[in-house]
Amino acid sequence: MKVSAFRTVIDPEGPRLECPITTRFLVIGSCFAEHVGAYFRGYKLPHLLNPNGIVYNPLAIGAVLDRILTGQIYEARDLIEHDGLFHSFGHHGRFSHPDRETCLDRINLSLEEAVNFLRMTDVIILTLGTAFAYRFKKTGTWVANCHKLPPMCFDRELLSLSDMLETFRGLIGRLIDRRPELRLVVSVSPVRHLRNSARLNQVSKARLIGFTYQLDQDFPSVRYFPSYELMLDDLRDYRFYAEDLVHPSDLAVKYIWDRFAAWCFETTAEHYFNEMDRIVKKLAHRPRNPASSQHSEFIAQCREDMAQFSAKYPHVDFSRELAESPCCAYPSPKKAK
């Protein structure tokens, strides 16, 4: 008797990317990019995440890429002052500061890092959160973050497909001219934007899906990864959402990451991920008796495992873990002597 799978299996279209684990990723986009970026960070994959902080709509993401391409530094005139802080409309609030120069320094240091990283980037990942964008009435410019200014200061608009395509066709052409082997992965964030209405959330996501489809059709270097479809059609259950019923749960994010990793990386990368998982699990160990000889031996083995892993994968640096992990906070038997 044939048994139903009781779920819709969603697979990325086209061949796998087959990236080695040394591939350098530039990740830009919505808060879902931050969730995925946490896995890049945890697995110590070469990457740069959101140099402007979280950005949601395609025009804001395009502005980030354009600034990285030009390398034009930010000046005092690019900032606004509100509620005792200086802000940039192109940046997340983590860059804001009471002192104008400190704010500019934070922004330009991050820009410099992004400009340098782009020279080595192999893959750019863009996660699009919404097709709605806000225009600052005073200047007529699009913003990435309203920084809690009064709503009357902005006009909200649903971005047209033609405007988004016009922006990105030029950007992608410039990126490919700069780095001919560069590949781009575009994805629609599964995070639900329900503040306005469920209907407008669907209108927005539909616009983004149409936009990414056209980019995928127009550019051989662009690939689509179905984060949205995996959440909405494969998992398709409220148990895979966080308590707010808007963001994917940790389990859902891990599932989407696992599907992404299987599609993105070489098959040999599975061994890398498994080894890293074992080391991370050991680093999370909480000793019952830190002074015991058994724990000293355990620490020595952890350090040996990390040394061997770093020798095998030279891009991996465990210095932060050695400094912060309770597991490795005690001297090994050899050093104790």
C-alpha atoms as a PDB file:
ATOM      1  CA  MET A   1       0.000   0.000   0.000  1.00  0.00           C
ATOM      2  CA  LYS A   2       1.372   3.418  -0.927  1.00  0.00           C
ATOM      3  CA  VAL A   3       1.872   5.702   2.095  1.00  0.00           C
ATOM      4  CA  SER A   4       1.404   9.467   1.718  1.00  0.00           C
ATOM      5  CA  ALA A   5       4.347  11.658   2.731  1.00  0.00           C
ATOM      6  CA  PHE A   6       1.914  14.127   4.415  1.00  0.00           C
ATOM      7  CA  ARG A   7       3.989  17.085   3.308  1.00  0.00           C
ATOM      8  CA  THR A   8       5.036  18.992   0.206  1.00  0.00           C
ATOM      9  CA  VAL A   9       8.703  18.446  -0.537  1.00  0.00           C
ATOM     10  CA  ILE A  10      10.295  21.604  -1.945  1.00  0.00           C
ATOM     11  CA  ASP A  11      13.632  21.404  -3.723  1.00  0.00           C
ATOM     12  CA  PRO A  12      15.715  24.279  -5.132  1.00  0.00           C
ATOM     13  CA  GLU A  13      15.538  24.435  -8.904  1.00  0.00           C
ATOM     14  CA  GLY A  14      18.582  23.713 -11.027  1.00  0.00           C
ATOM     15  CA  PRO A  15      21.942  22.161 -10.091  1.00  0.00           C
ATOM     16  CA  ARG A  16      23.614  22.626  -6.734  1.00  0.00           C
ATOM     17  CA  LEU A  17      26.131  25.454  -6.306  1.00  0.00           C
ATOM     18  CA  GLU A  18      28.944  23.110  -5.166  1.00  0.00           C
ATOM     19  CA  CYS A  19      30.778  25.764  -3.141  1.00  0.00           C
ATOM     20  CA  PRO A  20      33.878  24.752  -1.155  1.00  0.00           C
ATOM     21  CA  ILE A  21      33.835  25.624   2.543  1.00  0.00           C
ATOM     22  CA  THR A  22      36.426  28.363   1.878  1.00  0.00           C
ATOM     23  CA  THR A  23      33.913  30.274  -0.274  1.00  0.00           C
ATOM     24  CA  ARG A  24      33.541  33.908   0.820  1.00  0.00           C
ATOM     25  CA  PHE A  25      29.933  35.042   1.274  1.00  0.00           C
ATOM     26  CA  LEU A  26      28.538  38.563   1.502  1.00  0.00           C
ATOM     27  CA  VAL A  27      25.098  38.299   3.150  1.00  0.00           C
ATOM     28  CA  ILE A  28      22.706  41.265   3.008  1.00  0.00           C
ATOM     29  CA  GLY A  29      19.047  41.596   3.865  1.00  0.00           C
ATOM     30  CA  SER A  30      16.254  41.213   6.367  1.00  0.00           C
ATOM     31  CA  CYS A  31      16.313  39.746   9.859  1.00  0.00           C
ATOM     32  CA  PHE A  32      16.164  36.305   8.247  1.00  0.00           C
ATOM     33  CA  ALA A  33      19.630  37.048   6.851  1.00  0.00           C
ATOM     34  CA  GLU A  34      20.734  37.474  10.465  1.00  0.00           C
ATOM     35  CA  HIS A  35      19.320  34.047  11.353  1.00  0.00           C
ATOM     36  CA  VAL A  36      21.163  32.395   8.468  1.00  0.00           C
ATOM     37  CA  GLY A  37      24.251  34.501   9.191  1.00  0.00           C
ATOM     38  CA  ALA A  38      24.393  32.997  12.665  1.00  0.00           C
ATOM     39  CA  TYR A  39      25.083  29.620  11.048  1.00  0.00           C
ATOM     40  CA  PHE A  40      27.834  31.097   8.886  1.00  0.00           C
ATOM     41  CA  ARG A  41      29.363  32.532  12.045  1.00  0.00           C
ATOM     42  CA  GLY A  42      28.895  29.346  14.084  1.00  0.00           C
ATOM     43  CA  TYR A  43      30.476  27.171  11.409  1.00  0.00           C
ATOM     44  CA  LYS A  44      33.262  29.719  10.864  1.00  0.00           C
ATOM     45  CA  LEU A  45      32.580  30.085   7.171  1.00  0.00           C
ATOM     46  CA  PRO A  46      34.239  33.146   5.577  1.00  0.00           C
ATOM     47  CA  HIS A  47      31.504  35.783   5.402  1.00  0.00           C
ATOM     48  CA  LEU A  48      30.469  39.364   6.005  1.00  0.00           C
ATOM     49  CA  LEU A  49      26.948  39.919   7.311  1.00  0.00           C
ATOM     50  CA  ASN A  50      24.859  43.066   6.811  1.00  0.00           C
ATOM     51  CA  PRO A  51      27.489  45.847   6.738  1.00  0.00           C
ATOM     52  CA  ASN A  52      24.645  48.403   7.116  1.00  0.00           C
ATOM     53  CA  GLY A  53      22.699  46.304   9.577  1.00  0.00           C
ATOM     54  CA  ILE A  54      19.328  44.749   8.765  1.00  0.00           C
ATOM     55  CA  VAL A  55      17.696  46.064   5.567  1.00  0.00           C
ATOM     56  CA  TYR A  56      14.348  44.862   4.277  1.00  0.00           C
ATOM     57  CA  ASN A  57      13.312  46.143   0.861  1.00  0.00           C
ATOM     58  CA  PRO A  58      15.090  45.699  -2.494  1.00  0.00           C
ATOM     59  CA  LEU A  59      15.843  49.403  -3.016  1.00  0.00           C
ATOM     60  CA  ALA A  60      17.494  49.644   0.422  1.00  0.00           C
ATOM     61  CA  ILE A  61      19.512  46.496  -0.317  1.00  0.00           C
ATOM     62  CA  GLY A  62      20.435  47.923  -3.714  1.00  0.00           C
ATOM     63  CA  ALA A  63      21.620  51.146  -2.052  1.00  0.00           C
ATOM     64  CA  VAL A  64      23.915  49.109   0.230  1.00  0.00           C
ATOM     65  CA  LEU A  65      25.461  47.322  -2.749  1.00  0.00           C
ATOM     66  CA  ASP A  66      25.804  50.563  -4.718  1.00  0.00           C
ATOM     67  CA  ARG A  67      27.663  52.248  -1.837  1.00  0.00           C
ATOM     68  CA  ILE A  68      30.007  49.272  -1.484  1.00  0.00           C
ATOM     69  CA  LEU A  69      30.723  49.390  -5.208  1.00  0.00           C
ATOM     70  CA  THR A  70      31.487  53.122  -5.213  1.00  0.00           C
ATOM     71  CA  GLY A  71      33.184  53.186  -1.810  1.00  0.00           C
ATOM     72  CA  GLN A  72      31.946  56.761  -1.309  1.00  0.00           C
ATOM     73  CA  ILE A  73      32.291  57.580   2.378  1.00  0.00           C
ATOM     74  CA  TYR A  74      29.421  58.987   4.429  1.00  0.00           C
ATOM     75  CA  GLU A  75      29.548  62.613   5.556  1.00  0.00           C
ATOM     76  CA  ALA A  76      27.803  64.654   8.237  1.00  0.00           C
ATOM     77  CA  ARG A  77      25.140  65.725   5.732  1.00  0.00           C
ATOM     78  CA  ASP A  78      24.118  62.061   5.382  1.00  0.00           C
ATOM     79  CA  LEU A  79      22.998  61.961   9.025  1.00  0.00           C
ATOM     80  CA  ILE A  80      19.859  63.182  10.747  1.00  0.00           C
ATOM     81  CA  GLU A  81      19.440  63.981  14.422  1.00  0.00           C
ATOM     82  CA  HIS A  82      16.417  62.663  16.284  1.00  0.00           C
ATOM     83  CA  ASP A  83      15.651  61.968  19.927  1.00  0.00           C
ATOM     84  CA  GLY A  84      19.205  62.788  21.044  1.00  0.00           C
ATOM     85  CA  LEU A  85      20.898  60.482  18.541  1.00  0.00           C
ATOM     86  CA  PHE A  86      22.497  60.822  15.124  1.00  0.00           C
ATOM     87  CA  HIS A  87      21.175  58.327  12.564  1.00  0.00           C
ATOM     88  CA  SER A  88      21.689  57.318   8.976  1.00  0.00           C
ATOM     89  CA  PHE A  89      18.546  56.513   6.987  1.00  0.00           C
ATOM     90  CA  GLY A  90      20.602  53.859   5.209  1.00  0.00           C
ATOM     91  CA  HIS A  91      21.634  52.018   8.384  1.00  0.00           C
ATOM     92  CA  HIS A  92      20.217  50.028  11.248  1.00  0.00           C
ATOM     93  CA  GLY A  93      19.924  51.673  14.655  1.00  0.00           C
ATOM     94  CA  ARG A  94      22.999  49.858  15.959  1.00  0.00           C
ATOM     95  CA  PHE A  95      25.079  52.492  14.158  1.00  0.00           C
ATOM     96  CA  SER A  96      23.271  55.414  15.826  1.00  0.00           C
ATOM     97  CA  HIS A  97      25.090  57.405  18.504  1.00  0.00           C
ATOM     98  CA  PRO A  98      24.735  60.656  20.514  1.00  0.00           C
ATOM     99  CA  ASP A  99      28.006  61.893  19.003  1.00  0.00           C
ATOM    100  CA  ARG A 100      27.970  62.709  15.278  1.00  0.00           C
ATOM    101  CA  GLU A 101      31.615  61.786  14.663  1.00  0.00           C
ATOM    102  CA  THR A 102      31.285  58.472  16.476  1.00  0.00           C
ATOM    103  CA  CYS A 103      28.255  57.635  14.363  1.00  0.00           C
ATOM    104  CA  LEU A 104      30.136  58.492  11.161  1.00  0.00           C
ATOM    105  CA  ASP A 105      33.190  56.503  12.260  1.00  0.00           C
ATOM    106  CA  ARG A 106      31.066  53.408  12.889  1.00  0.00           C
ATOM    107  CA  ILE A 107      29.381  53.719   9.517  1.00  0.00           C
ATOM    108  CA  ASN A 108      32.542  54.368   7.504  1.00  0.00           C
ATOM    109  CA  LEU A 109      34.580  51.646   9.219  1.00  0.00           C
ATOM    110  CA  SER A 110      31.867  49.158   8.303  1.00  0.00           C
ATOM    111  CA  LEU A 111      31.790  50.494   4.743  1.00  0.00           C
ATOM    112  CA  GLU A 112      35.574  50.144   4.443  1.00  0.00           C
ATOM    113  CA  GLU A 113      35.362  46.555   5.640  1.00  0.00           C
ATOM    114  CA  ALA A 114      32.635  45.821   3.076  1.00  0.00           C
ATOM    115  CA  VAL A 115      34.561  47.454   0.208  1.00  0.00           C
ATOM    116  CA  ASN A 116      37.619  45.335   1.014  1.00  0.00           C
ATOM    117  CA  PHE A 117      35.533  42.176   1.448  1.00  0.00           C
ATOM    118  CA  LEU A 118      33.809  42.631  -1.927  1.00  0.00           C
ATOM    119  CA  ARG A 119      37.183  42.322  -3.633  1.00  0.00           C
ATOM    120  CA  MET A 120      37.336  38.705  -2.396  1.00  0.00           C
ATOM    121  CA  THR A 121      33.626  37.820  -2.390  1.00  0.00           C
ATOM    122  CA  ASP A 122      32.590  34.676  -4.256  1.00  0.00           C
ATOM    123  CA  VAL A 123      28.845  34.606  -3.499  1.00  0.00           C
ATOM    124  CA  ILE A 124      26.411  37.365  -2.508  1.00  0.00           C
ATOM    125  CA  ILE A 125      23.269  36.246  -0.681  1.00  0.00           C
ATOM    126  CA  LEU A 126      20.313  38.641  -0.645  1.00  0.00           C
ATOM    127  CA  THR A 127      17.238  37.964   1.513  1.00  0.00           C
ATOM    128  CA  LEU A 128      14.319  40.240   0.660  1.00  0.00           C
ATOM    129  CA  GLY A 129      11.822  40.959   3.425  1.00  0.00           C
ATOM    130  CA  THR A 130       9.215  43.303   1.946  1.00  0.00           C
ATOM    131  CA  ALA A 131       8.336  45.156  -1.237  1.00  0.00           C
ATOM    132  CA  PHE A 132       7.021  48.113   0.757  1.00  0.00           C
ATOM    133  CA  ALA A 133       9.413  51.030   1.219  1.00  0.00           C
ATOM    134  CA  TYR A 134       9.346  54.435   2.890  1.00  0.00           C
ATOM    135  CA  ARG A 135      10.261  57.741   1.291  1.00  0.00           C
ATOM    136  CA  PHE A 136      11.364  60.679   3.474  1.00  0.00           C
ATOM    137  CA  LYS A 137       9.049  63.528   2.480  1.00  0.00           C
ATOM    138  CA  LYS A 138      11.551  66.295   3.210  1.00  0.00           C
ATOM    139  CA  THR A 139      14.127  65.043   0.685  1.00  0.00           C
ATOM    140  CA  GLY A 140      12.176  62.563  -1.421  1.00  0.00           C
ATOM    141  CA  THR A 141      14.780  59.851  -0.737  1.00  0.00           C
ATOM    142  CA  TRP A 142      14.093  56.217   0.072  1.00  0.00           C
ATOM    143  CA  VAL A 143      15.102  55.053   3.532  1.00  0.00           C
ATOM    144  CA  ALA A 144      16.148  51.688   4.939  1.00  0.00           C
ATOM    145  CA  ASN A 145      15.192  52.587   8.515  1.00  0.00           C
ATOM    146  CA  CYS A 146      12.795  55.240   9.817  1.00  0.00           C
ATOM    147  CA  HIS A 147      14.506  55.409  13.238  1.00  0.00           C
ATOM    148  CA  LYS A 148      11.147  56.020  14.965  1.00  0.00           C
ATOM    149  CA  LEU A 149      10.585  59.412  13.382  1.00  0.00           C
ATOM    150  CA  PRO A 150       6.864  60.300  13.239  1.00  0.00           C
ATOM    151  CA  PRO A 151       4.986  58.399  10.485  1.00  0.00           C
ATOM    152  CA  MET A 152       3.881  61.735   9.001  1.00  0.00           C
ATOM    153  CA  CYS A 153       7.495  62.271   7.893  1.00  0.00           C
ATOM    154  CA  PHE A 154       7.259  59.439   5.358  1.00  0.00           C
ATOM    155  CA  ASP A 155       5.259  58.165   2.421  1.00  0.00           C
ATOM    156  CA  ARG A 156       4.897  54.393   2.190  1.00  0.00           C
ATOM    157  CA  GLU A 157       4.836  52.852  -1.280  1.00  0.00           C
ATOM    158  CA  LEU A 158       4.641  49.398  -2.775  1.00  0.00           C
ATOM    159  CA  LEU A 159       7.703  49.156  -5.016  1.00  0.00           C
ATOM    160  CA  SER A 160       6.948  48.429  -8.653  1.00  0.00           C
ATOM    161  CA  LEU A 161       8.503  45.466 -10.408  1.00  0.00           C
ATOM    162  CA  SER A 162       9.981  47.784 -13.047  1.00  0.00           C
ATOM    163  CA  ASP A 163      11.670  50.033 -10.453  1.00  0.00           C
ATOM    164  CA  MET A 164      13.233  47.071  -8.643  1.00  0.00           C
ATOM    165  CA  LEU A 165      14.410  45.473 -11.878  1.00  0.00           C
ATOM    166  CA  GLU A 166      15.849  48.727 -13.209  1.00  0.00           C
ATOM    167  CA  THR A 167      17.896  49.149 -10.025  1.00  0.00           C
ATOM    168  CA  PHE A 168      19.205  45.609  -9.893  1.00  0.00           C
ATOM    169  CA  ARG A 169      19.921  45.047 -13.561  1.00  0.00           C
ATOM    170  CA  GLY A 170      22.411  47.882 -13.401  1.00  0.00           C
ATOM    171  CA  LEU A 171      23.841  46.754 -10.084  1.00  0.00           C
ATOM    172  CA  ILE A 172      24.310  43.141 -11.126  1.00  0.00           C
ATOM    173  CA  GLY A 173      25.968  44.246 -14.345  1.00  0.00           C
ATOM    174  CA  ARG A 174      28.455  46.371 -12.371  1.00  0.00           C
ATOM    175  CA  LEU A 175      29.091  43.559  -9.881  1.00  0.00           C
ATOM    176  CA  ILE A 176      29.812  41.056 -12.663  1.00  0.00           C
ATOM    177  CA  ASP A 177      32.116  43.575 -14.375  1.00  0.00           C
ATOM    178  CA  ARG A 178      34.002  43.880 -11.077  1.00  0.00           C
ATOM    179  CA  ARG A 179      34.083  40.142 -10.336  1.00  0.00           C
ATOM    180  CA  PRO A 180      33.153  38.019 -13.397  1.00  0.00           C
ATOM    181  CA  GLU A 181      32.984  34.761 -11.404  1.00  0.00           C
ATOM    182  CA  LEU A 182      30.662  36.237  -8.773  1.00  0.00           C
ATOM    183  CA  ARG A 183      27.396  34.401  -8.101  1.00  0.00           C
ATOM    184  CA  LEU A 184      24.290  35.806  -6.445  1.00  0.00           C
ATOM    185  CA  VAL A 185      21.696  33.897  -4.443  1.00  0.00           C
ATOM    186  CA  VAL A 186      18.368  35.657  -3.954  1.00  0.00           C
ATOM    187  CA  SER A 187      15.699  34.540  -1.524  1.00  0.00           C
ATOM    188  CA  VAL A 188      12.414  35.830  -0.113  1.00  0.00           C
ATOM    189  CA  SER A 189      12.325  35.925   3.665  1.00  0.00           C
ATOM    190  CA  PRO A 190       9.657  33.674   5.233  1.00  0.00           C
ATOM    191  CA  VAL A 191       9.133  36.195   8.057  1.00  0.00           C
ATOM    192  CA  ARG A 192       5.518  37.435   7.905  1.00  0.00           C
ATOM    193  CA  HIS A 193       4.968  41.210   7.813  1.00  0.00           C
ATOM    194  CA  LEU A 194       1.517  41.424   9.381  1.00  0.00           C
ATOM    195  CA  ARG A 195       1.654  44.899  10.917  1.00  0.00           C
ATOM    196  CA  ASN A 196      -0.487  46.293   8.087  1.00  0.00           C
ATOM    197  CA  SER A 197      -2.544  43.253   7.120  1.00  0.00           C
ATOM    198  CA  ALA A 198      -2.252  39.635   6.057  1.00  0.00           C
ATOM    199  CA  ARG A 199      -3.397  40.595   2.586  1.00  0.00           C
ATOM    200  CA  LEU A 200      -0.718  43.257   2.126  1.00  0.00           C
ATOM    201  CA  ASN A 201       1.890  40.798   3.381  1.00  0.00           C
ATOM    202  CA  GLN A 202       0.895  38.439   0.568  1.00  0.00           C
ATOM    203  CA  VAL A 203       0.860  41.273  -1.982  1.00  0.00           C
ATOM    204  CA  SER A 204       4.378  42.222  -0.883  1.00  0.00           C
ATOM    205  CA  LYS A 205       5.741  38.669  -0.945  1.00  0.00           C
ATOM    206  CA  ALA A 206       4.173  38.058  -4.358  1.00  0.00           C
ATOM    207  CA  ARG A 207       5.891  41.164  -5.726  1.00  0.00           C
ATOM    208  CA  LEU A 208       9.244  39.941  -4.350  1.00  0.00           C
ATOM    209  CA  ILE A 209       8.765  36.445  -5.780  1.00  0.00           C
ATOM    210  CA  GLY A 210       8.044  37.938  -9.196  1.00  0.00           C
ATOM    211  CA  PHE A 211      11.104  40.162  -8.885  1.00  0.00           C
ATOM    212  CA  THR A 212      13.468  37.319  -7.937  1.00  0.00           C
ATOM    213  CA  TYR A 213      12.001  35.140 -10.704  1.00  0.00           C
ATOM    214  CA  GLN A 214      12.823  37.755 -13.301  1.00  0.00           C
ATOM    215  CA  LEU A 215      16.376  38.214 -11.997  1.00  0.00           C
ATOM    216  CA  ASP A 216      16.850  34.445 -12.121  1.00  0.00           C
ATOM    217  CA  GLN A 217      15.661  34.445 -15.738  1.00  0.00           C
ATOM    218  CA  ASP A 218      17.739  37.431 -16.828  1.00  0.00           C
ATOM    219  CA  PHE A 219      21.117  36.561 -15.279  1.00  0.00           C
ATOM    220  CA  PRO A 220      22.888  33.170 -15.396  1.00  0.00           C
ATOM    221  CA  SER A 221      24.871  34.232 -12.324  1.00  0.00           C
ATOM    222  CA  VAL A 222      21.675  34.633 -10.216  1.00  0.00           C
ATOM    223  CA  ARG A 223      20.122  31.655  -8.425  1.00  0.00           C
ATOM    224  CA  TYR A 224      16.963  31.465  -6.350  1.00  0.00           C
ATOM    225  CA  PHE A 225      16.795  29.615  -3.036  1.00  0.00           C
ATOM    226  CA  PRO A 226      13.223  28.884  -1.831  1.00  0.00           C
ATOM    227  CA  SER A 227      13.351  29.930   1.840  1.00  0.00           C
ATOM    228  CA  TYR A 228       9.800  31.279   1.627  1.00  0.00           C
ATOM    229  CA  GLU A 229       8.439  28.144  -0.020  1.00  0.00           C
ATOM    230  CA  LEU A 230      10.210  25.836   2.436  1.00  0.00           C
ATOM    231  CA  MET A 231       8.508  27.641   5.317  1.00  0.00           C
ATOM    232  CA  LEU A 232       5.068  28.103   3.774  1.00  0.00           C
ATOM    233  CA  ASP A 233       4.701  24.867   1.779  1.00  0.00           C
ATOM    234  CA  ASP A 234       7.124  22.322   3.225  1.00  0.00           C
ATOM    235  CA  LEU A 235       6.946  23.003   6.976  1.00  0.00           C
ATOM    236  CA  ARG A 236       3.470  24.609   6.770  1.00  0.00           C
ATOM    237  CA  ASP A 237       2.509  24.466  10.452  1.00  0.00           C
ATOM    238  CA  TYR A 238       2.386  26.944  13.329  1.00  0.00           C
ATOM    239  CA  ARG A 239       4.601  24.690  15.425  1.00  0.00           C
ATOM    240  CA  PHE A 240       7.453  25.873  13.189  1.00  0.00           C
ATOM    241  CA  TYR A 241       6.911  29.510  14.169  1.00  0.00           C
ATOM    242  CA  ALA A 242       8.221  31.368  17.203  1.00  0.00           C
ATOM    243  CA  GLU A 243       5.804  32.569  19.876  1.00  0.00           C
ATOM    244  CA  ASP A 244       5.006  35.724  17.906  1.00  0.00           C
ATOM    245  CA  LEU A 245       3.669  33.536  15.052  1.00  0.00           C
ATOM    246  CA  VAL A 246       5.593  35.767  12.643  1.00  0.00           C
ATOM    247  CA  HIS A 247       9.209  34.620  12.762  1.00  0.00           C
ATOM    248  CA  PRO A 248      10.328  31.059  12.038  1.00  0.00           C
ATOM    249  CA  SER A 249      11.262  29.048  15.125  1.00  0.00           C
ATOM    250  CA  ASP A 250      14.841  27.962  15.769  1.00  0.00           C
ATOM    251  CA  LEU A 251      13.908  24.500  14.495  1.00  0.00           C
ATOM    252  CA  ALA A 252      12.530  25.946  11.253  1.00  0.00           C
ATOM    253  CA  VAL A 253      15.595  28.131  10.708  1.00  0.00           C
ATOM    254  CA  LYS A 254      17.834  25.102  11.245  1.00  0.00           C
ATOM    255  CA  TYR A 255      15.788  23.076   8.746  1.00  0.00           C
ATOM    256  CA  ILE A 256      16.063  25.813   6.119  1.00  0.00           C
ATOM    257  CA  TRP A 257      19.795  26.180   6.852  1.00  0.00           C
ATOM    258  CA  ASP A 258      20.318  22.418   6.458  1.00  0.00           C
ATOM    259  CA  ARG A 259      18.530  22.502   3.103  1.00  0.00           C
ATOM    260  CA  PHE A 260      20.577  25.523   2.042  1.00  0.00           C
ATOM    261  CA  ALA A 261      23.882  23.929   3.102  1.00  0.00           C
ATOM    262  CA  ALA A 262      23.059  20.722   1.211  1.00  0.00           C
ATOM    263  CA  TRP A 263      22.267  22.767  -1.908  1.00  0.00           C
ATOM    264  CA  CYS A 264      25.073  25.304  -1.619  1.00  0.00           C
ATOM    265  CA  PHE A 265      28.177  23.369  -0.567  1.00  0.00           C
ATOM    266  CA  GLU A 266      30.205  20.498  -1.973  1.00  0.00           C
ATOM    267  CA  THR A 267      29.180  17.083  -0.690  1.00  0.00           C
ATOM    268  CA  THR A 268      32.538  16.817   1.103  1.00  0.00           C
ATOM    269  CA  ALA A 269      31.495  19.785   3.268  1.00  0.00           C
ATOM    270  CA  GLU A 270      29.220  17.486   5.272  1.00  0.00           C
ATOM    271  CA  HIS A 271      32.287  16.087   7.021  1.00  0.00           C
ATOM    272  CA  TYR A 272      33.371  19.645   7.903  1.00  0.00           C
ATOM    273  CA  PHE A 273      29.979  20.468   9.425  1.00  0.00           C
ATOM    274  CA  ASN A 274      29.847  17.202  11.386  1.00  0.00           C
ATOM    275  CA  GLU A 275      33.328  17.740  12.820  1.00  0.00           C
ATOM    276  CA  MET A 276      32.488  21.326  13.763  1.00  0.00           C
ATOM    277  CA  ASP A 277      29.269  20.198  15.450  1.00  0.00           C
ATOM    278  CA  ARG A 278      31.225  17.762  17.621  1.00  0.00           C
ATOM    279  CA  ILE A 279      33.706  20.450  18.655  1.00  0.00           C
ATOM    280  CA  VAL A 280      30.951  22.968  19.449  1.00  0.00           C
ATOM    281  CA  LYS A 281      29.161  20.354  21.536  1.00  0.00           C
ATOM    282  CA  LYS A 282      32.337  19.748  23.523  1.00  0.00           C
ATOM    283  CA  LEU A 283      32.876  23.484  24.014  1.00  0.00           C
ATOM    284  CA  ALA A 284      29.389  23.760  25.501  1.00  0.00           C
ATOM    285  CA  HIS A 285      30.194  21.099  28.133  1.00  0.00           C
ATOM    286  CA  ARG A 286      29.746  22.195  31.760  1.00  0.00           C
ATOM    287  CA  PRO A 287      32.089  20.262  34.079  1.00  0.00           C
ATOM    288  CA  ARG A 288      30.741  18.837  37.327  1.00  0.00           C
ATOM    289  CA  ASN A 289      34.205  19.093  38.879  1.00  0.00           C
ATOM    290  CA  PRO A 290      36.524  21.547  37.084  1.00  0.00           C
ATOM    291  CA  ALA A 291      39.442  20.522  39.310  1.00  0.00           C
ATOM    292  CA  SER A 292      39.268  16.818  38.432  1.00  0.00           C
ATOM    293  CA  SER A 293      41.939  15.049  36.406  1.00  0.00           C
ATOM    294  CA  GLN A 294      39.217  13.768  34.082  1.00  0.00           C
ATOM    295  CA  HIS A 295      38.244  17.323  33.207  1.00  0.00           C
ATOM    296  CA  SER A 296      41.882  18.295  32.618  1.00  0.00           C
ATOM    297  CA  GLU A 297      42.160  15.394  30.189  1.00  0.00           C
ATOM    298  CA  PHE A 298      38.910  16.454  28.527  1.00  0.00           C
ATOM    299  CA  ILE A 299      40.273  19.991  28.070  1.00  0.00           C
ATOM    300  CA  ALA A 300      43.492  18.689  26.577  1.00  0.00           C
ATOM    301  CA  GLN A 301      41.505  16.572  24.106  1.00  0.00           C
ATOM    302  CA  CYS A 302      39.313  19.563  23.154  1.00  0.00           C
ATOM    303  CA  ARG A 303      42.367  21.675  22.432  1.00  0.00           C
ATOM    304  CA  GLU A 304      43.925  18.884  20.416  1.00  0.00           C
ATOM    305  CA  ASP A 305      40.725  18.491  18.381  1.00  0.00           C
ATOM    306  CA  MET A 306      40.665  22.229  17.643  1.00  0.00           C
ATOM    307  CA  ALA A 307      44.346  22.258  16.701  1.00  0.00           C
ATOM    308  CA  GLN A 308      43.868  19.369  14.281  1.00  0.00           C
ATOM    309  CA  PHE A 309      40.748  20.970  12.800  1.00  0.00           C
ATOM    310  CA  SER A 310      42.526  24.310  12.267  1.00  0.00           C
ATOM    311  CA  ALA A 311      45.480  22.519  10.671  1.00  0.00           C
ATOM    312  CA  LYS A 312      43.078  20.834   8.273  1.00  0.00           C
ATOM    313  CA  TYR A 313      41.076  24.000   7.621  1.00  0.00           C
ATOM    314  CA  PRO A 314      43.474  26.973   7.983  1.00  0.00           C
ATOM    315  CA  HIS A 315      40.705  29.578   7.716  1.00  0.00           C
ATOM    316  CA  VAL A 316      39.244  28.410  11.051  1.00  0.00           C
ATOM    317  CA  ASP A 317      40.357  30.291  14.172  1.00  0.00           C
ATOM    318  CA  PHE A 318      39.262  29.044  17.618  1.00  0.00           C
ATOM    319  CA  SER A 319      40.915  31.806  19.656  1.00  0.00           C
ATOM    320  CA  ARG A 320      37.584  33.308  20.721  1.00  0.00           C
ATOM    321  CA  GLU A 321      36.266  29.925  21.849  1.00  0.00           C
ATOM    322  CA  LEU A 322      39.435  29.241  23.800  1.00  0.00           C
ATOM    323  CA  ALA A 323      39.018  32.558  25.570  1.00  0.00           C
ATOM    324  CA  GLU A 324      35.263  32.355  26.244  1.00  0.00           C
ATOM    325  CA  SER A 325      34.290  28.696  26.586  1.00  0.00           C
ATOM    326  CA  PRO A 326      33.901  27.395  30.174  1.00  0.00           C
ATOM    327  CA  CYS A 327      35.177  24.072  28.846  1.00  0.00           C
ATOM    328  CA  CYS A 328      38.568  25.578  27.999  1.00  0.00           C
ATOM    329  CA  ALA A 329      38.877  28.015  30.881  1.00  0.00           C
ATOM    330  CA  TYR A 330      41.223  25.755  32.809  1.00  0.00           C
ATOM    331  CA  PRO A 331      44.854  24.870  32.019  1.00  0.00           C
ATOM    332  CA  SER A 332      45.669  21.583  30.383  1.00  0.00           C
ATOM    333  CA  PRO A 333      47.710  19.029  32.396  1.00  0.00           C
ATOM    334  CA  LYS A 334      50.894  19.942  30.536  1.00  0.00           C
ATOM    335  CA  LYS A 335      50.549  23.666  31.243  1.00  0.00           C
ATOM    336  CA  ALA A 336      49.580  22.970  34.846  1.00  0.00           C
ATOM    337  CA  LYS A 337      52.976  21.381  35.400  1.00  0.00           C
END
